């Protein structure tokens, strides 16, 4: 297993709809193992394949953030039903240093192929798990959490993030 570099916003792969996975091959299983290791190392509670530069519909999720405690892996996940509304703070491994309140569904039912159980599953989730599923599935659809904000707030945070990113890049070039 390997810890992979996490792609940072505004890389184009993060704005593209990811491709469905037709078969869970040994290569996809290696990718999943590496994604889980990368998520735990970051540390994070969710990671989508586009965040490591792979435009594939694969997510790994663990609301505990503790290695393999409640790991959920889904291939080709989709939200099949949703209800209620809740606003809560989010951040993203691909947009480090930025957090914002985001409106999400309060409860979701997610369907996808679980390569660990080797079958299609449906998972009902609320609270943090529902938020993580929505956040990661957004990545598969070419969205980052900033896209869920109002225009003014989104632009303010985007500019702040890009300014910080440019400062980091300039410091890196001076070394």
N, C-alpha and C. Protein backbone atom coordinates (compact mmCIF):
# COMPACT_ATOMS: atom_id res chain seq x y z
N UNK A 1 0.85 -1.19 0.00
CA UNK A 1 0.00 0.00 0.00
C UNK A 1 0.89 1.24 0.00
N UNK A 2 0.28 2.33 -0.47
CA UNK A 2 1.04 3.57 -0.59
C UNK A 2 0.17 4.76 -0.23
N UNK A 3 0.80 5.77 0.31
CA UNK A 3 0.13 7.03 0.56
C UNK A 3 0.31 7.86 -0.71
N UNK A 4 -0.81 8.31 -1.28
CA UNK A 4 -0.80 9.02 -2.55
C UNK A 4 -0.91 10.52 -2.32
N UNK A 5 -0.35 11.32 -3.25
CA UNK A 5 -0.52 12.77 -3.13
C UNK A 5 -1.97 13.16 -3.39
N UNK A 6 -2.46 14.09 -2.60
CA UNK A 6 -3.84 14.57 -2.75
C UNK A 6 -3.83 15.77 -3.68
N UNK A 7 -4.67 15.69 -4.71
CA UNK A 7 -4.80 16.75 -5.70
C UNK A 7 -5.46 17.97 -5.05
N UNK A 8 -4.92 19.13 -5.33
CA UNK A 8 -5.44 20.36 -4.74
C UNK A 8 -6.27 21.16 -5.74
N UNK A 9 -7.32 21.76 -5.23
CA UNK A 9 -8.14 22.68 -6.01
C UNK A 9 -7.23 23.79 -6.51
N UNK A 10 -7.31 24.24 -7.75
CA UNK A 10 -8.34 24.04 -8.76
C UNK A 10 -7.94 23.06 -9.88
N UNK A 11 -7.26 21.98 -9.56
CA UNK A 11 -6.86 21.02 -10.60
C UNK A 11 -8.08 20.55 -11.40
N UNK A 12 -7.94 20.45 -12.72
CA UNK A 12 -9.08 20.09 -13.59
C UNK A 12 -9.77 18.78 -13.23
N UNK A 13 -9.06 17.78 -12.73
CA UNK A 13 -9.69 16.50 -12.41
C UNK A 13 -10.78 16.66 -11.36
N UNK A 14 -10.68 17.70 -10.53
CA UNK A 14 -11.68 17.94 -9.49
C UNK A 14 -12.96 18.56 -10.05
N UNK A 15 -12.94 19.05 -11.28
CA UNK A 15 -14.10 19.70 -11.90
C UNK A 15 -14.77 18.81 -12.94
N UNK A 16 -14.30 17.58 -13.06
CA UNK A 16 -14.78 16.66 -14.11
C UNK A 16 -15.63 15.55 -13.48
N UNK A 17 -16.71 15.17 -14.15
CA UNK A 17 -17.52 14.04 -13.68
C UNK A 17 -16.69 12.76 -13.85
N UNK A 18 -16.57 12.00 -12.79
CA UNK A 18 -15.76 10.77 -12.81
C UNK A 18 -16.48 9.67 -13.59
N UNK A 19 -15.68 8.75 -14.12
CA UNK A 19 -16.16 7.64 -14.94
C UNK A 19 -16.60 6.47 -14.07
N UNK A 20 -17.70 5.82 -14.46
CA UNK A 20 -18.14 4.61 -13.76
C UNK A 20 -17.08 3.51 -13.86
N UNK A 21 -17.01 2.71 -12.83
CA UNK A 21 -16.12 1.55 -12.81
C UNK A 21 -16.94 0.34 -13.27
N UNK A 22 -16.52 -0.30 -14.35
CA UNK A 22 -17.28 -1.44 -14.89
C UNK A 22 -16.99 -2.75 -14.17
N UNK A 23 -15.74 -2.90 -13.70
CA UNK A 23 -15.33 -4.13 -13.02
C UNK A 23 -14.35 -3.79 -11.92
N UNK A 24 -14.49 -4.44 -10.78
CA UNK A 24 -13.53 -4.24 -9.70
C UNK A 24 -12.39 -5.23 -9.92
N UNK A 25 -11.32 -4.72 -10.49
CA UNK A 25 -10.14 -5.51 -10.81
C UNK A 25 -9.14 -5.44 -9.67
N UNK A 26 -8.05 -6.18 -9.81
CA UNK A 26 -6.97 -6.11 -8.82
C UNK A 26 -6.42 -4.69 -8.75
N UNK A 27 -6.37 -4.00 -9.88
CA UNK A 27 -5.88 -2.62 -9.91
C UNK A 27 -6.80 -1.69 -9.12
N UNK A 28 -8.11 -1.88 -9.26
CA UNK A 28 -9.07 -1.07 -8.50
C UNK A 28 -8.95 -1.38 -7.01
N UNK A 29 -8.76 -2.63 -6.66
CA UNK A 29 -8.60 -3.01 -5.24
C UNK A 29 -7.35 -2.37 -4.65
N UNK A 30 -6.26 -2.32 -5.41
CA UNK A 30 -5.03 -1.64 -4.95
C UNK A 30 -5.30 -0.16 -4.76
N UNK A 31 -6.02 0.43 -5.72
CA UNK A 31 -6.38 1.85 -5.62
C UNK A 31 -7.17 2.10 -4.34
N UNK A 32 -8.14 1.25 -4.04
CA UNK A 32 -8.96 1.40 -2.83
C UNK A 32 -8.09 1.31 -1.58
N UNK A 33 -7.20 0.33 -1.53
CA UNK A 33 -6.30 0.19 -0.37
C UNK A 33 -5.45 1.45 -0.20
N UNK A 34 -4.92 1.96 -1.31
CA UNK A 34 -4.09 3.17 -1.25
C UNK A 34 -4.90 4.39 -0.86
N UNK A 35 -6.15 4.47 -1.35
CA UNK A 35 -7.02 5.59 -0.97
C UNK A 35 -7.31 5.56 0.53
N UNK A 36 -7.60 4.38 1.08
CA UNK A 36 -7.88 4.29 2.52
C UNK A 36 -6.65 4.70 3.32
N UNK A 37 -5.48 4.21 2.94
CA UNK A 37 -4.26 4.57 3.65
C UNK A 37 -4.01 6.08 3.56
N UNK A 38 -4.24 6.65 2.38
CA UNK A 38 -4.05 8.10 2.18
C UNK A 38 -5.03 8.89 3.03
N UNK A 39 -6.30 8.46 3.08
CA UNK A 39 -7.32 9.15 3.87
C UNK A 39 -6.94 9.17 5.35
N UNK A 40 -6.55 8.01 5.88
CA UNK A 40 -6.19 7.94 7.30
C UNK A 40 -4.95 8.76 7.60
N UNK A 41 -3.99 8.77 6.68
CA UNK A 41 -2.75 9.50 6.88
C UNK A 41 -2.97 11.01 6.85
N UNK A 42 -3.97 11.48 6.10
CA UNK A 42 -4.14 12.92 5.84
C UNK A 42 -4.26 13.81 7.08
N UNK A 43 -4.96 13.58 8.11
CA UNK A 43 -6.03 12.61 8.32
C UNK A 43 -7.35 13.18 7.82
N UNK A 44 -8.23 12.27 7.36
CA UNK A 44 -9.54 12.67 6.86
C UNK A 44 -10.57 11.62 7.20
N UNK A 45 -11.83 11.93 6.85
CA UNK A 45 -12.93 10.99 7.09
C UNK A 45 -13.55 10.51 5.79
N UNK A 46 -13.06 11.00 4.67
CA UNK A 46 -13.54 10.57 3.37
C UNK A 46 -12.56 10.96 2.29
N UNK A 47 -12.55 10.20 1.20
CA UNK A 47 -11.68 10.50 0.06
C UNK A 47 -12.32 9.91 -1.19
N UNK A 48 -12.36 10.70 -2.24
CA UNK A 48 -12.87 10.26 -3.54
C UNK A 48 -11.70 10.12 -4.50
N UNK A 49 -11.81 9.17 -5.43
CA UNK A 49 -10.71 8.91 -6.36
C UNK A 49 -10.22 10.15 -7.11
N UNK A 50 -11.10 11.09 -7.53
CA UNK A 50 -10.57 12.29 -8.20
C UNK A 50 -9.58 13.08 -7.33
N UNK A 51 -9.71 12.95 -6.02
CA UNK A 51 -8.81 13.68 -5.12
C UNK A 51 -7.38 13.14 -5.14
N UNK A 52 -7.20 11.97 -5.71
CA UNK A 52 -5.84 11.44 -5.88
C UNK A 52 -5.52 11.33 -7.38
N UNK A 53 -6.28 12.10 -8.18
CA UNK A 53 -5.99 12.23 -9.60
C UNK A 53 -6.59 11.15 -10.49
N UNK A 54 -7.46 10.31 -9.95
CA UNK A 54 -8.08 9.23 -10.73
C UNK A 54 -9.56 9.56 -10.94
N UNK A 55 -9.95 9.77 -12.17
CA UNK A 55 -11.32 10.13 -12.48
C UNK A 55 -12.20 8.88 -12.54
N UNK A 56 -12.37 8.25 -11.39
CA UNK A 56 -13.17 7.03 -11.25
C UNK A 56 -14.15 7.20 -10.11
N UNK A 57 -15.32 6.57 -10.21
CA UNK A 57 -16.37 6.70 -9.20
C UNK A 57 -16.13 5.71 -8.06
N UNK A 58 -15.18 6.07 -7.21
CA UNK A 58 -14.81 5.26 -6.05
C UNK A 58 -14.63 6.20 -4.86
N UNK A 59 -15.21 5.82 -3.71
CA UNK A 59 -15.01 6.59 -2.48
C UNK A 59 -14.65 5.66 -1.34
N UNK A 60 -13.89 6.20 -0.39
CA UNK A 60 -13.64 5.54 0.89
C UNK A 60 -14.08 6.51 1.97
N UNK A 61 -14.72 5.98 3.01
CA UNK A 61 -15.30 6.81 4.06
C UNK A 61 -15.10 6.11 5.40
N UNK A 62 -14.75 6.89 6.42
CA UNK A 62 -14.74 6.38 7.78
C UNK A 62 -15.02 7.55 8.71
N UNK A 63 -16.25 7.66 9.21
CA UNK A 63 -16.62 8.81 10.03
C UNK A 63 -15.82 8.93 11.33
N UNK A 64 -15.17 7.85 11.76
CA UNK A 64 -14.38 7.91 12.99
C UNK A 64 -13.01 8.55 12.72
N UNK A 65 -12.52 8.46 11.48
CA UNK A 65 -11.18 8.94 11.16
C UNK A 65 -10.09 8.06 11.73
N UNK A 66 -10.48 6.96 12.36
CA UNK A 66 -9.51 6.03 12.96
C UNK A 66 -9.36 4.81 12.07
N UNK A 67 -8.13 4.46 11.79
CA UNK A 67 -7.83 3.43 10.80
C UNK A 67 -8.69 2.18 10.88
N UNK A 68 -9.44 1.95 9.80
CA UNK A 68 -10.25 0.76 9.57
C UNK A 68 -11.31 0.52 10.65
N UNK A 69 -11.65 1.53 11.41
CA UNK A 69 -12.64 1.36 12.47
C UNK A 69 -14.04 1.15 11.88
N UNK A 70 -14.43 2.05 10.96
CA UNK A 70 -15.75 1.93 10.31
C UNK A 70 -15.60 2.19 8.81
N UNK A 71 -14.60 1.61 8.20
CA UNK A 71 -14.32 1.86 6.78
C UNK A 71 -15.47 1.38 5.90
N UNK A 72 -15.93 2.29 5.04
CA UNK A 72 -16.93 1.98 4.02
C UNK A 72 -16.30 2.31 2.68
N UNK A 73 -16.37 1.36 1.76
CA UNK A 73 -15.86 1.55 0.41
C UNK A 73 -17.03 1.37 -0.54
N UNK A 74 -17.23 2.34 -1.43
CA UNK A 74 -18.29 2.22 -2.42
C UNK A 74 -17.78 2.55 -3.81
N UNK A 75 -18.17 1.71 -4.75
CA UNK A 75 -17.86 1.91 -6.16
C UNK A 75 -19.17 2.31 -6.84
N UNK A 76 -19.11 3.34 -7.67
CA UNK A 76 -20.28 3.88 -8.37
C UNK A 76 -21.41 4.26 -7.41
N UNK A 77 -21.09 4.97 -6.32
CA UNK A 77 -22.15 5.33 -5.37
C UNK A 77 -23.09 6.39 -5.94
N UNK A 78 -24.32 6.33 -5.49
CA UNK A 78 -25.30 7.35 -5.87
C UNK A 78 -26.27 7.56 -4.72
N UNK A 79 -26.76 8.76 -4.60
CA UNK A 79 -27.78 9.07 -3.60
C UNK A 79 -29.12 8.73 -4.24
N UNK A 80 -29.84 7.79 -3.63
CA UNK A 80 -31.12 7.36 -4.21
C UNK A 80 -32.32 8.03 -3.54
N UNK A 81 -32.13 8.55 -2.33
CA UNK A 81 -33.18 9.35 -1.69
C UNK A 81 -32.53 10.24 -0.64
N UNK A 82 -33.22 11.34 -0.37
CA UNK A 82 -32.70 12.31 0.60
C UNK A 82 -33.87 13.07 1.20
N UNK A 83 -33.67 13.52 2.44
CA UNK A 83 -34.73 14.30 3.09
C UNK A 83 -34.13 15.23 4.13
N UNK A 84 -34.90 16.26 4.46
CA UNK A 84 -34.49 17.21 5.48
C UNK A 84 -33.36 18.11 5.01
N UNK A 85 -32.99 19.04 5.86
CA UNK A 85 -31.91 19.96 5.56
C UNK A 85 -31.14 20.25 6.83
N UNK A 86 -29.84 20.40 6.69
CA UNK A 86 -29.00 20.73 7.83
C UNK A 86 -27.81 21.54 7.32
N UNK A 87 -27.38 22.48 8.13
CA UNK A 87 -26.20 23.28 7.78
C UNK A 87 -25.11 22.92 8.77
N UNK A 88 -23.91 22.66 8.24
CA UNK A 88 -22.78 22.31 9.10
C UNK A 88 -21.47 22.66 8.44
N UNK A 89 -20.45 22.75 9.27
CA UNK A 89 -19.13 23.14 8.78
C UNK A 89 -18.45 21.98 8.04
N UNK A 90 -17.80 22.33 6.94
CA UNK A 90 -17.05 21.35 6.15
C UNK A 90 -15.70 21.92 5.78
N UNK A 91 -14.78 21.01 5.59
CA UNK A 91 -13.48 21.32 5.01
C UNK A 91 -13.21 20.23 3.99
N UNK A 92 -12.05 20.29 3.35
CA UNK A 92 -11.76 19.32 2.29
C UNK A 92 -10.25 19.15 2.17
N UNK A 93 -9.82 17.90 2.02
CA UNK A 93 -8.39 17.62 1.85
C UNK A 93 -7.84 18.26 0.58
N UNK A 94 -8.71 18.51 -0.40
CA UNK A 94 -8.27 19.13 -1.65
C UNK A 94 -8.33 20.65 -1.61
N UNK A 95 -8.89 21.20 -0.55
CA UNK A 95 -8.96 22.66 -0.36
C UNK A 95 -8.49 22.95 1.07
N UNK A 96 -7.22 22.63 1.36
CA UNK A 96 -6.75 22.75 2.75
C UNK A 96 -6.80 24.17 3.29
N UNK A 97 -7.13 24.25 4.58
CA UNK A 97 -7.12 25.54 5.26
C UNK A 97 -8.40 26.33 5.11
N UNK A 98 -9.37 25.83 4.37
CA UNK A 98 -10.63 26.54 4.16
C UNK A 98 -11.76 25.70 4.74
N UNK A 99 -12.61 26.35 5.52
CA UNK A 99 -13.79 25.69 6.08
C UNK A 99 -14.98 26.64 5.90
N UNK A 100 -16.16 26.06 5.74
CA UNK A 100 -17.37 26.89 5.58
C UNK A 100 -18.60 26.07 5.95
N UNK A 101 -19.65 26.78 6.31
CA UNK A 101 -20.93 26.13 6.58
C UNK A 101 -21.60 25.82 5.24
N UNK A 102 -22.02 24.56 5.10
CA UNK A 102 -22.61 24.07 3.85
C UNK A 102 -23.96 23.44 4.15
N UNK A 103 -24.96 23.76 3.33
CA UNK A 103 -26.29 23.16 3.46
C UNK A 103 -26.27 21.81 2.76
N UNK A 104 -26.73 20.79 3.47
CA UNK A 104 -26.79 19.42 2.94
C UNK A 104 -28.13 18.79 3.33
N UNK A 105 -28.40 17.63 2.72
CA UNK A 105 -29.54 16.83 3.14
C UNK A 105 -29.25 16.30 4.54
N UNK A 106 -30.27 16.21 5.38
CA UNK A 106 -30.09 15.71 6.74
C UNK A 106 -29.94 14.19 6.76
N UNK A 107 -30.64 13.52 5.83
CA UNK A 107 -30.63 12.07 5.79
C UNK A 107 -30.57 11.63 4.33
N UNK A 108 -29.73 10.63 4.05
CA UNK A 108 -29.62 10.13 2.67
C UNK A 108 -29.62 8.60 2.66
N UNK A 109 -30.02 8.06 1.55
CA UNK A 109 -29.87 6.63 1.28
C UNK A 109 -28.94 6.57 0.08
N UNK A 110 -27.81 5.88 0.27
CA UNK A 110 -26.78 5.77 -0.75
C UNK A 110 -26.71 4.33 -1.23
N UNK A 111 -26.61 4.16 -2.53
CA UNK A 111 -26.50 2.84 -3.13
C UNK A 111 -25.18 2.77 -3.89
N UNK A 112 -24.50 1.64 -3.76
CA UNK A 112 -23.24 1.45 -4.49
C UNK A 112 -22.74 0.03 -4.32
N UNK A 113 -21.72 -0.28 -5.06
CA UNK A 113 -21.13 -1.62 -4.98
C UNK A 113 -20.07 -1.62 -3.88
N UNK A 114 -20.19 -2.54 -2.94
CA UNK A 114 -19.22 -2.68 -1.86
C UNK A 114 -18.26 -3.82 -2.24
N UNK A 115 -17.02 -3.48 -2.62
CA UNK A 115 -16.07 -4.51 -3.05
C UNK A 115 -15.58 -5.40 -1.91
N UNK A 116 -15.79 -4.98 -0.67
CA UNK A 116 -15.41 -5.82 0.47
C UNK A 116 -16.44 -6.94 0.63
N UNK A 117 -17.73 -6.57 0.58
CA UNK A 117 -18.81 -7.55 0.69
C UNK A 117 -19.11 -8.22 -0.66
N UNK A 118 -18.55 -7.64 -1.72
CA UNK A 118 -18.75 -8.13 -3.10
C UNK A 118 -20.22 -8.17 -3.49
N UNK A 119 -20.93 -7.08 -3.16
CA UNK A 119 -22.33 -6.97 -3.56
C UNK A 119 -22.76 -5.51 -3.51
N UNK A 120 -23.88 -5.22 -4.17
CA UNK A 120 -24.46 -3.90 -4.13
C UNK A 120 -25.16 -3.72 -2.78
N UNK A 121 -24.94 -2.57 -2.18
CA UNK A 121 -25.53 -2.29 -0.87
C UNK A 121 -26.27 -0.96 -0.90
N UNK A 122 -27.18 -0.78 0.03
CA UNK A 122 -27.82 0.50 0.27
C UNK A 122 -27.59 0.84 1.73
N UNK A 123 -27.15 2.07 1.96
CA UNK A 123 -26.83 2.51 3.31
C UNK A 123 -27.65 3.75 3.62
N UNK A 124 -28.40 3.71 4.73
CA UNK A 124 -29.10 4.89 5.20
C UNK A 124 -28.18 5.61 6.16
N UNK A 125 -28.07 6.92 5.98
CA UNK A 125 -27.14 7.68 6.83
C UNK A 125 -27.74 9.02 7.21
N UNK A 126 -27.40 9.45 8.42
CA UNK A 126 -27.72 10.81 8.83
C UNK A 126 -26.50 11.36 9.56
N UNK A 127 -26.59 12.57 10.04
CA UNK A 127 -25.47 13.17 10.77
C UNK A 127 -24.21 13.27 9.92
N UNK A 128 -23.08 13.03 10.57
CA UNK A 128 -21.78 13.16 9.91
C UNK A 128 -21.64 12.22 8.71
N UNK A 129 -22.09 11.00 8.83
CA UNK A 129 -21.95 10.05 7.73
C UNK A 129 -22.71 10.53 6.49
N UNK A 130 -23.91 11.07 6.67
CA UNK A 130 -24.68 11.60 5.53
C UNK A 130 -23.92 12.75 4.87
N UNK A 131 -23.35 13.62 5.68
CA UNK A 131 -22.58 14.75 5.15
C UNK A 131 -21.36 14.26 4.37
N UNK A 132 -20.65 13.27 4.90
CA UNK A 132 -19.46 12.74 4.22
C UNK A 132 -19.85 12.12 2.87
N UNK A 133 -20.90 11.30 2.86
CA UNK A 133 -21.34 10.70 1.60
C UNK A 133 -21.63 11.78 0.56
N UNK A 134 -22.38 12.81 0.95
CA UNK A 134 -22.73 13.87 0.00
C UNK A 134 -21.49 14.60 -0.50
N UNK A 135 -20.57 14.88 0.41
CA UNK A 135 -19.33 15.58 0.06
C UNK A 135 -18.51 14.76 -0.95
N UNK A 136 -18.34 13.47 -0.66
CA UNK A 136 -17.52 12.62 -1.54
C UNK A 136 -18.19 12.37 -2.89
N UNK A 137 -19.51 12.18 -2.88
CA UNK A 137 -20.22 11.98 -4.15
C UNK A 137 -20.17 13.26 -4.98
N UNK A 138 -20.21 14.43 -4.33
CA UNK A 138 -20.00 15.69 -5.06
C UNK A 138 -18.67 15.65 -5.82
N UNK A 139 -17.61 15.15 -5.17
CA UNK A 139 -16.31 15.05 -5.86
C UNK A 139 -16.44 14.21 -7.13
N UNK A 140 -17.20 13.14 -7.06
CA UNK A 140 -17.38 12.27 -8.23
C UNK A 140 -18.14 12.98 -9.34
N UNK A 141 -18.93 13.99 -8.97
CA UNK A 141 -19.70 14.75 -9.94
C UNK A 141 -19.00 16.04 -10.36
N UNK A 142 -17.74 16.20 -9.98
CA UNK A 142 -16.97 17.37 -10.40
C UNK A 142 -17.22 18.62 -9.57
N UNK A 143 -17.60 18.42 -8.31
CA UNK A 143 -17.86 19.57 -7.43
C UNK A 143 -16.98 19.50 -6.18
N UNK A 144 -16.58 20.67 -5.70
CA UNK A 144 -15.97 20.77 -4.38
C UNK A 144 -16.96 21.52 -3.49
N UNK A 145 -16.77 21.46 -2.19
CA UNK A 145 -17.76 22.04 -1.28
C UNK A 145 -17.96 23.53 -1.51
N UNK A 146 -16.96 24.22 -2.04
CA UNK A 146 -17.10 25.65 -2.34
C UNK A 146 -18.23 25.89 -3.34
N UNK A 147 -18.46 24.94 -4.24
CA UNK A 147 -19.53 25.07 -5.25
C UNK A 147 -20.91 25.07 -4.61
N UNK A 148 -21.03 24.65 -3.37
CA UNK A 148 -22.32 24.60 -2.67
C UNK A 148 -22.63 25.92 -1.94
N UNK A 149 -21.69 26.86 -1.97
CA UNK A 149 -21.86 28.12 -1.25
C UNK A 149 -22.49 29.18 -2.16
N UNK A 150 -23.01 30.22 -1.56
CA UNK A 150 -23.51 31.36 -2.33
C UNK A 150 -22.35 32.01 -3.09
N UNK A 151 -22.66 32.72 -4.14
CA UNK A 151 -21.65 33.29 -5.03
C UNK A 151 -20.62 34.17 -4.30
N UNK A 152 -21.08 35.06 -3.43
CA UNK A 152 -20.18 35.99 -2.75
C UNK A 152 -19.25 35.24 -1.79
N UNK A 153 -19.81 34.37 -0.97
CA UNK A 153 -19.00 33.60 -0.01
C UNK A 153 -18.02 32.68 -0.74
N UNK A 154 -18.50 32.03 -1.80
CA UNK A 154 -17.64 31.13 -2.59
C UNK A 154 -16.45 31.90 -3.17
N UNK A 155 -16.71 33.06 -3.74
CA UNK A 155 -15.64 33.84 -4.37
C UNK A 155 -14.65 34.35 -3.33
N UNK A 156 -15.14 34.78 -2.18
CA UNK A 156 -14.27 35.24 -1.09
C UNK A 156 -13.34 34.12 -0.64
N UNK A 157 -13.90 32.94 -0.36
CA UNK A 157 -13.08 31.82 0.10
C UNK A 157 -12.16 31.30 -0.99
N UNK A 158 -12.61 31.28 -2.23
CA UNK A 158 -11.79 30.84 -3.36
C UNK A 158 -10.57 31.75 -3.50
N UNK A 159 -10.79 33.05 -3.45
CA UNK A 159 -9.67 34.01 -3.56
C UNK A 159 -8.69 33.86 -2.40
N UNK A 160 -9.24 33.71 -1.19
CA UNK A 160 -8.38 33.53 -0.01
C UNK A 160 -7.52 32.27 -0.16
N UNK A 161 -8.14 31.19 -0.61
CA UNK A 161 -7.42 29.93 -0.80
C UNK A 161 -6.34 30.06 -1.89
N UNK A 162 -6.70 30.65 -3.03
CA UNK A 162 -5.74 30.77 -4.14
C UNK A 162 -4.58 31.69 -3.76
N UNK A 163 -4.85 32.72 -2.99
CA UNK A 163 -3.79 33.61 -2.52
C UNK A 163 -2.81 32.83 -1.64
N UNK A 164 -3.35 32.05 -0.71
CA UNK A 164 -2.52 31.24 0.17
C UNK A 164 -1.72 30.21 -0.63
N UNK A 165 -2.37 29.58 -1.60
CA UNK A 165 -1.70 28.59 -2.45
C UNK A 165 -0.54 29.22 -3.22
N UNK A 166 -0.77 30.41 -3.78
CA UNK A 166 0.30 31.11 -4.51
C UNK A 166 1.47 31.47 -3.60
N UNK A 167 1.18 31.87 -2.36
CA UNK A 167 2.24 32.19 -1.40
C UNK A 167 3.09 30.94 -1.11
N UNK A 168 2.42 29.81 -0.93
CA UNK A 168 3.13 28.56 -0.66
C UNK A 168 4.00 28.19 -1.86
N UNK A 169 3.45 28.33 -3.06
CA UNK A 169 4.21 27.99 -4.27
C UNK A 169 5.43 28.91 -4.43
N UNK A 170 5.26 30.20 -4.13
CA UNK A 170 6.39 31.15 -4.24
C UNK A 170 7.48 30.79 -3.24
N UNK A 171 7.08 30.44 -2.00
CA UNK A 171 8.08 30.05 -1.01
C UNK A 171 8.82 28.79 -1.45
N UNK A 172 8.10 27.87 -2.05
CA UNK A 172 8.71 26.63 -2.54
C UNK A 172 9.72 26.87 -3.63
N UNK A 173 9.47 27.86 -4.51
CA UNK A 173 10.40 28.18 -5.59
C UNK A 173 11.67 28.85 -5.10
N UNK A 174 11.56 29.58 -3.98
CA UNK A 174 12.72 30.28 -3.44
C UNK A 174 13.73 29.35 -2.80
N UNK A 175 13.30 28.18 -2.41
CA UNK A 175 14.19 27.24 -1.70
C UNK A 175 15.21 26.63 -2.62
